[in-house]
Amino acid sequence: LVNPRGFDATAFRLDPPTTEHEQKVSRWLDYLN
């Protein structure tokens, strides 16, 4: 849902997060943790 229309599971990476969408999710995960 960070990118409802253009999410690509094969390209999405969080280690490390580089795109704006990946960084948003990374910050959210840090908050949950």
Full PDB file with SEQRES, HELIX, SHEET, SSBOND, CRYST1, ORIGX, SCALE, CONECT and MASTER records, all heavy atoms in Angstrom:
SEQRES   1 A   33  LEU VAL ASN PRO ARG GLY PHE ASP ALA THR ALA PHE ARG          
SEQRES   2 A   33  LEU ASP PRO PRO THR THR GLU HIS GLU GLN LYS VAL SER          
SEQRES   3 A   33  ARG TRP LEU ASP TYR LEU ASN                                  
HELIX    1 AA1 GLU A   20  LEU A   32  1                                  13    
CRYST1    1.000    1.000    1.000  90.00  90.00  90.00 P 1           1          
ORIGX1      1.000000  0.000000  0.000000        0.00000                         
ORIGX2      0.000000  1.000000  0.000000        0.00000                         
ORIGX3      0.000000  0.000000  1.000000        0.00000                         
SCALE1      1.000000  0.000000  0.000000        0.00000                         
SCALE2      0.000000  1.000000  0.000000        0.00000                         
SCALE3      0.000000  0.000000  1.000000        0.00000                         
ATOM      1  N   LEU A   1       0.813  -1.217   0.000  1.00  0.00           N  
ATOM      2  CA  LEU A   1       0.000   0.000   0.000  1.00  0.00           C  
ATOM      3  C   LEU A   1       0.845   1.265   0.000  1.00  0.00           C  
ATOM      4  O   LEU A   1       0.309   2.373  -0.163  1.00  0.00           O  
ATOM      5  CB  LEU A   1      -0.939   0.007   1.214  1.00  0.00           C  
ATOM      6  CG  LEU A   1      -2.003  -1.090   1.252  1.00  0.00           C  
ATOM      7  CD1 LEU A   1      -2.932  -0.895   2.439  1.00  0.00           C  
ATOM      8  CD2 LEU A   1      -2.801  -1.106  -0.050  1.00  0.00           C  
ATOM      9  N   VAL A   2       2.147   1.142   0.179  1.00  0.00           N  
ATOM     10  CA  VAL A   2       3.008   2.321   0.095  1.00  0.00           C  
ATOM     11  C   VAL A   2       3.001   2.867  -1.340  1.00  0.00           C  
ATOM     12  O   VAL A   2       3.268   4.040  -1.574  1.00  0.00           O  
ATOM     13  CB  VAL A   2       4.454   1.983   0.545  1.00  0.00           C  
ATOM     14  CG1 VAL A   2       5.167   1.117  -0.479  1.00  0.00           C  
ATOM     15  CG2 VAL A   2       5.228   3.264   0.823  1.00  0.00           C  
ATOM     16  N   ASN A   3       2.672   2.003  -2.285  1.00  0.00           N  
ATOM     17  CA  ASN A   3       2.591   2.388  -3.699  1.00  0.00           C  
ATOM     18  C   ASN A   3       1.489   1.550  -4.353  1.00  0.00           C  
ATOM     19  O   ASN A   3       1.773   0.601  -5.086  1.00  0.00           O  
ATOM     20  CB  ASN A   3       3.937   2.149  -4.385  1.00  0.00           C  
ATOM     21  CG  ASN A   3       3.956   2.654  -5.825  1.00  0.00           C  
ATOM     22  OD1 ASN A   3       3.057   3.374  -6.257  1.00  0.00           O  
ATOM     23  ND2 ASN A   3       4.971   2.254  -6.571  1.00  0.00           N  
ATOM     24  N   PRO A   4       0.221   1.875  -4.073  1.00  0.00           N  
ATOM     25  CA  PRO A   4      -0.907   1.022  -4.485  1.00  0.00           C  
ATOM     26  C   PRO A   4      -0.950   0.682  -5.964  1.00  0.00           C  
ATOM     27  O   PRO A   4      -1.318  -0.439  -6.331  1.00  0.00           O  
ATOM     28  CB  PRO A   4      -2.132   1.852  -4.077  1.00  0.00           C  
ATOM     29  CG  PRO A   4      -1.647   2.731  -2.983  1.00  0.00           C  
ATOM     30  CD  PRO A   4      -0.238   3.074  -3.347  1.00  0.00           C  
ATOM     31  N   ARG A   5      -0.579   1.598  -6.822  1.00  0.00           N  
ATOM     32  CA  ARG A   5      -0.695   1.352  -8.257  1.00  0.00           C  
ATOM     33  C   ARG A   5       0.566   0.771  -8.885  1.00  0.00           C  
ATOM     34  O   ARG A   5       0.490   0.093  -9.913  1.00  0.00           O  
ATOM     35  CB  ARG A   5      -1.062   2.651  -8.983  1.00  0.00           C  
ATOM     36  CG  ARG A   5      -2.449   3.169  -8.629  1.00  0.00           C  
ATOM     37  CD  ARG A   5      -2.806   4.373  -9.491  1.00  0.00           C  
ATOM     38  NE  ARG A   5      -4.147   4.860  -9.203  1.00  0.00           N  
ATOM     39  CZ  ARG A   5      -4.728   5.886  -9.817  1.00  0.00           C  
ATOM     40  NH1 ARG A   5      -4.047   6.541 -10.761  1.00  0.00           N  
ATOM     41  NH2 ARG A   5      -5.948   6.273  -9.497  1.00  0.00           N  
ATOM     42  N   GLY A   6       1.707   1.049  -8.284  1.00  0.00           N  
ATOM     43  CA  GLY A   6       2.944   0.643  -8.940  1.00  0.00           C  
ATOM     44  C   GLY A   6       3.840  -0.266  -8.130  1.00  0.00           C  
ATOM     45  O   GLY A   6       5.021  -0.408  -8.445  1.00  0.00           O  
ATOM     46  N   PHE A   7       3.310  -0.921  -7.087  1.00  0.00           N  
ATOM     47  CA  PHE A   7       4.149  -1.770  -6.251  1.00  0.00           C  
ATOM     48  C   PHE A   7       4.661  -2.966  -7.054  1.00  0.00           C  
ATOM     49  O   PHE A   7       3.891  -3.665  -7.722  1.00  0.00           O  
ATOM     50  CB  PHE A   7       3.372  -2.261  -5.036  1.00  0.00           C  
ATOM     51  CG  PHE A   7       4.200  -3.086  -4.085  1.00  0.00           C  
ATOM     52  CD1 PHE A   7       5.060  -2.477  -3.186  1.00  0.00           C  
ATOM     53  CD2 PHE A   7       4.122  -4.468  -4.093  1.00  0.00           C  
ATOM     54  CE1 PHE A   7       5.825  -3.227  -2.317  1.00  0.00           C  
ATOM     55  CE2 PHE A   7       4.880  -5.231  -3.221  1.00  0.00           C  
ATOM     56  CZ  PHE A   7       5.734  -4.607  -2.326  1.00  0.00           C  
ATOM     57  N   ASP A   8       5.954  -3.204  -6.981  1.00  0.00           N  
ATOM     58  CA  ASP A   8       6.595  -4.330  -7.661  1.00  0.00           C  
ATOM     59  C   ASP A   8       7.334  -5.156  -6.614  1.00  0.00           C  
ATOM     60  O   ASP A   8       8.407  -4.770  -6.147  1.00  0.00           O  
ATOM     61  CB  ASP A   8       7.563  -3.810  -8.726  1.00  0.00           C  
ATOM     62  CG  ASP A   8       8.220  -4.946  -9.512  1.00  0.00           C  
ATOM     63  OD1 ASP A   8       7.963  -6.122  -9.201  1.00  0.00           O  
ATOM     64  OD2 ASP A   8       8.990  -4.649 -10.446  1.00  0.00           O  
ATOM     65  N   ALA A   9       6.757  -6.289  -6.257  1.00  0.00           N  
ATOM     66  CA  ALA A   9       7.337  -7.117  -5.197  1.00  0.00           C  
ATOM     67  C   ALA A   9       8.728  -7.609  -5.556  1.00  0.00           C  
ATOM     68  O   ALA A   9       9.567  -7.815  -4.675  1.00  0.00           O  
ATOM     69  CB  ALA A   9       6.422  -8.300  -4.898  1.00  0.00           C  
ATOM     70  N   THR A  10       9.001  -7.790  -6.848  1.00  0.00           N  
ATOM     71  CA  THR A  10      10.301  -8.320  -7.249  1.00  0.00           C  
ATOM     72  C   THR A  10      11.406  -7.281  -7.137  1.00  0.00           C  
ATOM     73  O   THR A  10      12.587  -7.625  -7.038  1.00  0.00           O  
ATOM     74  CB  THR A  10      10.247  -8.831  -8.699  1.00  0.00           C  
ATOM     75  OG1 THR A  10       9.917  -7.730  -9.573  1.00  0.00           O  
ATOM     76  CG2 THR A  10       9.200  -9.924  -8.848  1.00  0.00           C  
ATOM     77  N   ALA A  11      11.033  -6.003  -7.149  1.00  0.00           N  
ATOM     78  CA  ALA A  11      12.046  -4.940  -7.105  1.00  0.00           C  
ATOM     79  C   ALA A  11      12.140  -4.264  -5.737  1.00  0.00           C  
ATOM     80  O   ALA A  11      13.102  -3.540  -5.473  1.00  0.00           O  
ATOM     81  CB  ALA A  11      11.737  -3.889  -8.176  1.00  0.00           C  
ATOM     82  N   PHE A  12      11.164  -4.513  -4.873  1.00  0.00           N  
ATOM     83  CA  PHE A  12      11.117  -3.831  -3.576  1.00  0.00           C  
ATOM     84  C   PHE A  12      12.205  -4.384  -2.655  1.00  0.00           C  
ATOM     85  O   PHE A  12      12.303  -5.594  -2.448  1.00  0.00           O  
ATOM     86  CB  PHE A  12       9.742  -4.031  -2.947  1.00  0.00           C  
ATOM     87  CG  PHE A  12       9.443  -3.079  -1.813  1.00  0.00           C  
ATOM     88  CD1 PHE A  12       9.140  -1.752  -2.065  1.00  0.00           C  
ATOM     89  CD2 PHE A  12       9.460  -3.518  -0.500  1.00  0.00           C  
ATOM     90  CE1 PHE A  12       8.858  -0.874  -1.033  1.00  0.00           C  
ATOM     91  CE2 PHE A  12       9.180  -2.659   0.545  1.00  0.00           C  
ATOM     92  CZ  PHE A  12       8.877  -1.332   0.278  1.00  0.00           C  
ATOM     93  N   ARG A  13      13.036  -3.497  -2.084  1.00  0.00           N  
ATOM     94  CA  ARG A  13      14.138  -3.910  -1.218  1.00  0.00           C  
ATOM     95  C   ARG A  13      14.179  -3.012   0.027  1.00  0.00           C  
ATOM     96  O   ARG A  13      13.955  -1.808  -0.053  1.00  0.00           O  
ATOM     97  CB  ARG A  13      15.476  -3.798  -1.954  1.00  0.00           C  
ATOM     98  CG  ARG A  13      15.607  -4.711  -3.155  1.00  0.00           C  
ATOM     99  CD  ARG A  13      15.777  -6.168  -2.734  1.00  0.00           C  
ATOM    100  NE  ARG A  13      16.000  -7.023  -3.878  1.00  0.00           N  
ATOM    101  CZ  ARG A  13      15.034  -7.586  -4.594  1.00  0.00           C  
ATOM    102  NH1 ARG A  13      13.767  -7.371  -4.260  1.00  0.00           N  
ATOM    103  NH2 ARG A  13      15.307  -8.359  -5.628  1.00  0.00           N  
ATOM    104  N   LEU A  14      14.500  -3.632   1.152  1.00  0.00           N  
ATOM    105  CA  LEU A  14      14.614  -2.874   2.398  1.00  0.00           C  
ATOM    106  C   LEU A  14      16.001  -2.979   3.026  1.00  0.00           C  
ATOM    107  O   LEU A  14      16.223  -2.439   4.100  1.00  0.00           O  
ATOM    108  CB  LEU A  14      13.548  -3.356   3.392  1.00  0.00           C  
ATOM    109  CG  LEU A  14      12.097  -3.052   3.010  1.00  0.00           C  
ATOM    110  CD1 LEU A  14      11.127  -3.742   3.961  1.00  0.00           C  
ATOM    111  CD2 LEU A  14      11.851  -1.544   2.997  1.00  0.00           C  
ATOM    112  N   ASP A  15      16.911  -3.672   2.366  1.00  0.00           N  
ATOM    113  CA  ASP A  15      18.247  -3.861   2.922  1.00  0.00           C  
ATOM    114  C   ASP A  15      19.314  -3.569   1.866  1.00  0.00           C  
ATOM    115  O   ASP A  15      19.832  -4.484   1.222  1.00  0.00           O  
ATOM    116  CB  ASP A  15      18.385  -5.301   3.442  1.00  0.00           C  
ATOM    117  CG  ASP A  15      19.707  -5.520   4.163  1.00  0.00           C  
ATOM    118  OD1 ASP A  15      20.281  -4.519   4.637  1.00  0.00           O  
ATOM    119  OD2 ASP A  15      20.149  -6.684   4.236  1.00  0.00           O  
ATOM    120  N   PRO A  16      19.663  -2.294   1.700  1.00  0.00           N  
ATOM    121  CA  PRO A  16      19.107  -1.126   2.404  1.00  0.00           C  
ATOM    122  C   PRO A  16      17.960  -0.518   1.592  1.00  0.00           C  
ATOM    123  O   PRO A  16      17.869  -0.759   0.384  1.00  0.00           O  
ATOM    124  CB  PRO A  16      20.292  -0.170   2.460  1.00  0.00           C  
ATOM    125  CG  PRO A  16      21.014  -0.454   1.159  1.00  0.00           C  
ATOM    126  CD  PRO A  16      20.854  -1.941   0.907  1.00  0.00           C  
ATOM    127  N   PRO A  17      17.137   0.305   2.227  1.00  0.00           N  
ATOM    128  CA  PRO A  17      16.080   0.992   1.479  1.00  0.00           C  
ATOM    129  C   PRO A  17      16.680   2.155   0.691  1.00  0.00           C  
ATOM    130  O   PRO A  17      17.435   2.957   1.238  1.00  0.00           O  
ATOM    131  CB  PRO A  17      15.138   1.495   2.585  1.00  0.00           C  
ATOM    132  CG  PRO A  17      16.019   1.651   3.785  1.00  0.00           C  
ATOM    133  CD  PRO A  17      17.061   0.579   3.677  1.00  0.00           C  
ATOM    134  N   THR A  18      16.347   2.249  -0.581  1.00  0.00           N  
ATOM    135  CA  THR A  18      16.928   3.308  -1.407  1.00  0.00           C  
ATOM    136  C   THR A  18      15.869   4.248  -1.983  1.00  0.00           C  
ATOM    137  O   THR A  18      16.109   5.456  -2.056  1.00  0.00           O  
ATOM    138  CB  THR A  18      17.754   2.710  -2.555  1.00  0.00           C  
ATOM    139  OG1 THR A  18      16.925   1.804  -3.309  1.00  0.00           O  
ATOM    140  CG2 THR A  18      18.948   1.934  -2.019  1.00  0.00           C  
ATOM    141  N   THR A  19      14.720   3.713  -2.379  1.00  0.00           N  
ATOM    142  CA  THR A  19      13.686   4.571  -2.956  1.00  0.00           C  
ATOM    143  C   THR A  19      12.884   5.246  -1.844  1.00  0.00           C  
ATOM    144  O   THR A  19      12.944   4.850  -0.675  1.00  0.00           O  
ATOM    145  CB  THR A  19      12.728   3.758  -3.830  1.00  0.00           C  
ATOM    146  OG1 THR A  19      11.949   2.878  -3.004  1.00  0.00           O  
ATOM    147  CG2 THR A  19      13.497   2.929  -4.852  1.00  0.00           C  
ATOM    148  N   GLU A  20      12.100   6.236  -2.234  1.00  0.00           N  
ATOM    149  CA  GLU A  20      11.262   6.950  -1.257  1.00  0.00           C  
ATOM    150  C   GLU A  20      10.264   6.004  -0.601  1.00  0.00           C  
ATOM    151  O   GLU A  20      10.049   6.058   0.616  1.00  0.00           O  
ATOM    152  CB  GLU A  20      10.511   8.094  -1.947  1.00  0.00           C  
ATOM    153  CG  GLU A  20       9.594   8.876  -1.015  1.00  0.00           C  
ATOM    154  CD  GLU A  20       8.802   9.947  -1.742  1.00  0.00           C  
ATOM    155  OE1 GLU A  20       9.032  10.141  -2.954  1.00  0.00           O  
ATOM    156  OE2 GLU A  20       7.941  10.582  -1.098  1.00  0.00           O  
ATOM    157  N   HIS A  21       9.668   5.126  -1.397  1.00  0.00           N  
ATOM    158  CA  HIS A  21       8.692   4.185  -0.851  1.00  0.00           C  
ATOM    159  C   HIS A  21       9.343   3.209   0.129  1.00  0.00           C  
ATOM    160  O   HIS A  21       8.785   2.896   1.184  1.00  0.00           O  
ATOM    161  CB  HIS A  21       8.001   3.420  -1.983  1.00  0.00           C  
ATOM    162  CG  HIS A  21       7.110   4.276  -2.830  1.00  0.00           C  
ATOM    163  ND1 HIS A  21       7.113   4.226  -4.196  1.00  0.00           N  
ATOM    164  CD2 HIS A  21       6.192   5.209  -2.485  1.00  0.00           C  
ATOM    165  CE1 HIS A  21       6.233   5.084  -4.684  1.00  0.00           C  
ATOM    166  NE2 HIS A  21       5.662   5.693  -3.661  1.00  0.00           N  
ATOM    167  N   GLU A  22      10.513   2.713  -0.234  1.00  0.00           N  
ATOM    168  CA  GLU A  22      11.229   1.788   0.648  1.00  0.00           C  
ATOM    169  C   GLU A  22      11.618   2.460   1.956  1.00  0.00           C  
ATOM    170  O   GLU A  22      11.534   1.858   3.031  1.00  0.00           O  
ATOM    171  CB  GLU A  22      12.466   1.247  -0.069  1.00  0.00           C  
ATOM    172  CG  GLU A  22      12.134   0.340  -1.248  1.00  0.00           C  
ATOM    173  CD  GLU A  22      13.333   0.050  -2.123  1.00  0.00           C  
ATOM    174  OE1 GLU A  22      14.385   0.713  -1.944  1.00  0.00           O  
ATOM    175  OE2 GLU A  22      13.218  -0.804  -3.020  1.00  0.00           O  
ATOM    176  N   GLN A  23      12.013   3.717   1.884  1.00  0.00           N  
ATOM    177  CA  GLN A  23      12.403   4.445   3.095  1.00  0.00           C  
ATOM    178  C   GLN A  23      11.197   4.708   3.995  1.00  0.00           C  
ATOM    179  O   GLN A  23      11.317   4.669   5.225  1.00  0.00           O  
ATOM    180  CB  GLN A  23      13.084   5.757   2.696  1.00  0.00           C  
ATOM    181  CG  GLN A  23      14.466   5.546   2.078  1.00  0.00           C  
ATOM    182  CD  GLN A  23      15.026   6.800   1.439  1.00  0.00           C  
ATOM    183  OE1 GLN A  23      14.385   7.857   1.444  1.00  0.00           O  
ATOM    184  NE2 GLN A  23      16.219   6.704   0.864  1.00  0.00           N  
ATOM    185  N   LYS A  24      10.037   4.969   3.399  1.00  0.00           N  
ATOM    186  CA  LYS A  24       8.828   5.149   4.200  1.00  0.00           C  
ATOM    187  C   LYS A  24       8.508   3.893   4.993  1.00  0.00           C  
ATOM    188  O   LYS A  24       8.207   3.944   6.187  1.00  0.00           O  
ATOM    189  CB  LYS A  24       7.643   5.506   3.297  1.00  0.00           C  
ATOM    190  CG  LYS A  24       7.615   6.930   2.796  1.00  0.00           C  
ATOM    191  CD  LYS A  24       6.350   7.174   1.981  1.00  0.00           C  
ATOM    192  CE  LYS A  24       6.260   8.614   1.510  1.00  0.00           C  
ATOM    193  NZ  LYS A  24       5.033   8.842   0.709  1.00  0.00           N  
ATOM    194  N   VAL A  25       8.562   2.752   4.315  1.00  0.00           N  
ATOM    195  CA  VAL A  25       8.278   1.488   4.991  1.00  0.00           C  
ATOM    196  C   VAL A  25       9.319   1.207   6.061  1.00  0.00           C  
ATOM    197  O   VAL A  25       8.998   0.748   7.162  1.00  0.00           O  
ATOM    198  CB  VAL A  25       8.220   0.329   3.968  1.00  0.00           C  
ATOM    199  CG1 VAL A  25       8.160  -1.017   4.680  1.00  0.00           C  
ATOM    200  CG2 VAL A  25       7.007   0.484   3.056  1.00  0.00           C  
ATOM    201  N   SER A  26      10.578   1.490   5.765  1.00  0.00           N  
ATOM    202  CA  SER A  26      11.655   1.252   6.725  1.00  0.00           C  
ATOM    203  C   SER A  26      11.449   2.065   8.002  1.00  0.00           C  
ATOM    204  O   SER A  26      11.629   1.549   9.118  1.00  0.00           O  
ATOM    205  CB  SER A  26      13.008   1.584   6.094  1.00  0.00           C  
ATOM    206  OG  SER A  26      14.058   1.328   7.002  1.00  0.00           O  
ATOM    207  N   ARG A  27      11.052   3.315   7.854  1.00  0.00           N  
ATOM    208  CA  ARG A  27      10.804   4.163   9.029  1.00  0.00           C  
ATOM    209  C   ARG A  27       9.625   3.642   9.841  1.00  0.00           C  
ATOM    210  O   ARG A  27       9.643   3.664  11.075  1.00  0.00           O  
ATOM    211  CB  ARG A  27      10.564   5.610   8.593  1.00  0.00           C  
ATOM    212  CG  ARG A  27      11.815   6.327   8.094  1.00  0.00           C  
ATOM    213  CD  ARG A  27      11.590   7.827   7.979  1.00  0.00           C  
ATOM    214  NE  ARG A  27      10.593   8.143   6.966  1.00  0.00           N  
ATOM    215  CZ  ARG A  27      10.882   8.384   5.686  1.00  0.00           C  
ATOM    216  NH1 ARG A  27      12.136   8.305   5.252  1.00  0.00           N  
ATOM    217  NH2 ARG A  27       9.925   8.713   4.835  1.00  0.00           N  
ATOM    218  N   TRP A  28       8.619   3.159   9.140  1.00  0.00           N  
ATOM    219  CA  TRP A  28       7.437   2.593   9.822  1.00  0.00           C  
ATOM    220  C   TRP A  28       7.816   1.338  10.611  1.00  0.00           C  
ATOM    221  O   TRP A  28       7.383   1.152  11.751  1.00  0.00           O  
ATOM    222  CB  TRP A  28       6.371   2.287   8.779  1.00  0.00           C  
ATOM    223  CG  TRP A  28       5.136   1.616   9.300  1.00  0.00           C  
ATOM    224  CD1 TRP A  28       4.197   2.152  10.142  1.00  0.00           C  
ATOM    225  CD2 TRP A  28       4.709   0.287   9.013  1.00  0.00           C  
ATOM    226  NE1 TRP A  28       3.195   1.224  10.394  1.00  0.00           N  
ATOM    227  CE2 TRP A  28       3.491   0.076   9.706  1.00  0.00           C  
ATOM    228  CE3 TRP A  28       5.216  -0.750   8.229  1.00  0.00           C  
ATOM    229  CZ2 TRP A  28       2.784  -1.125   9.641  1.00  0.00           C  
ATOM    230  CZ3 TRP A  28       4.519  -1.941   8.147  1.00  0.00           C  
ATOM    231  CH2 TRP A  28       3.320  -2.119   8.858  1.00  0.00           C  
ATOM    232  N   LEU A  29       8.647   0.498  10.025  1.00  0.00           N  
ATOM    233  CA  LEU A  29       9.090  -0.717  10.714  1.00  0.00           C  
ATOM    234  C   LEU A  29       9.910  -0.371  11.958  1.00  0.00           C  
ATOM    235  O   LEU A  29       9.785  -1.032  13.001  1.00  0.00           O  
ATOM    236  CB  LEU A  29       9.918  -1.591   9.769  1.00  0.00           C  
ATOM    237  CG  LEU A  29       9.185  -2.165   8.544  1.00  0.00           C  
ATOM    238  CD1 LEU A  29      10.164  -2.878   7.632  1.00  0.00           C  
ATOM    239  CD2 LEU A  29       8.053  -3.097   8.968  1.00  0.00           C  
ATOM    240  N   ASP A  30      10.736   0.652  11.841  1.00  0.00           N  
ATOM    241  CA  ASP A  30      11.531   1.099  12.999  1.00  0.00           C  
ATOM    242  C   ASP A  30      10.609   1.550  14.129  1.00  0.00           C  
ATOM    243  O   ASP A  30      10.877   1.269  15.310  1.00  0.00           O  
ATOM    244  CB  ASP A  30      12.455   2.250  12.597  1.00  0.00           C  
ATOM    245  CG  ASP A  30      13.611   1.795  11.722  1.00  0.00           C  
ATOM    246  OD1 ASP A  30      13.886   0.576  11.703  1.00  0.00           O  
ATOM    247  OD2 ASP A  30      14.221   2.650  11.051  1.00  0.00           O  
ATOM    248  N   TYR A  31       9.531   2.240  13.761  1.00  0.00           N  
ATOM    249  CA  TYR A  31       8.570   2.690  14.777  1.00  0.00           C  
ATOM    250  C   TYR A  31       7.927   1.495  15.480  1.00  0.00           C  
ATOM    251  O   TYR A  31       7.835   1.454  16.717  1.00  0.00           O  
ATOM    252  CB  TYR A  31       7.489   3.553  14.134  1.00  0.00           C  
ATOM    253  CG  TYR A  31       6.333   3.844  15.054  1.00  0.00           C  
ATOM    254  CD1 TYR A  31       6.431   4.815  16.050  1.00  0.00           C  
ATOM    255  CD2 TYR A  31       5.147   3.107  14.966  1.00  0.00           C  
ATOM    256  CE1 TYR A  31       5.378   5.063  16.916  1.00  0.00           C  
ATOM    257  CE2 TYR A  31       4.090   3.352  15.831  1.00  0.00           C  
ATOM    258  CZ  TYR A  31       4.210   4.323  16.801  1.00  0.00           C  
ATOM    259  OH  TYR A  31       3.169   4.550  17.669  1.00  0.00           O  
ATOM    260  N   LEU A  32       7.477   0.503  14.695  1.00  0.00           N  
ATOM    261  CA  LEU A  32       6.847  -0.677  15.286  1.00  0.00           C  
ATOM    262  C   LEU A  32       7.813  -1.394  16.222  1.00  0.00           C  
ATOM    263  O   LEU A  32       7.435  -1.836  17.317  1.00  0.00           O  
ATOM    264  CB  LEU A  32       6.389  -1.647  14.188  1.00  0.00           C  
ATOM    265  CG  LEU A  32       5.303  -1.152  13.228  1.00  0.00           C  
ATOM    266  CD1 LEU A  32       4.955  -2.250  12.228  1.00  0.00           C  
ATOM    267  CD2 LEU A  32       4.052  -0.712  13.993  1.00  0.00           C  
ATOM    268  N   ASN A  33       9.049  -1.499  15.789  1.00  0.00           N  
ATOM    269  CA  ASN A  33      10.048  -2.181  16.608  1.00  0.00           C  
ATOM    270  C   ASN A  33      10.307  -1.439  17.915  1.00  0.00           C  
ATOM    271  O   ASN A  33      10.498  -2.045  18.969  1.00  0.00           O  
ATOM    272  CB  ASN A  33      11.346  -2.326  15.820  1.00  0.00           C  
ATOM    273  CG  ASN A  33      12.202  -3.473  16.315  1.00  0.00           C  
ATOM    274  OD1 ASN A  33      11.691  -4.476  16.806  1.00  0.00           O  
ATOM    275  ND2 ASN A  33      13.509  -3.312  16.213  1.00  0.00           N  
TER     276      ASN A  33                                                      
MASTER        0    0    0    1    0    0    0    6  275    1    0    3          
END                                                                             
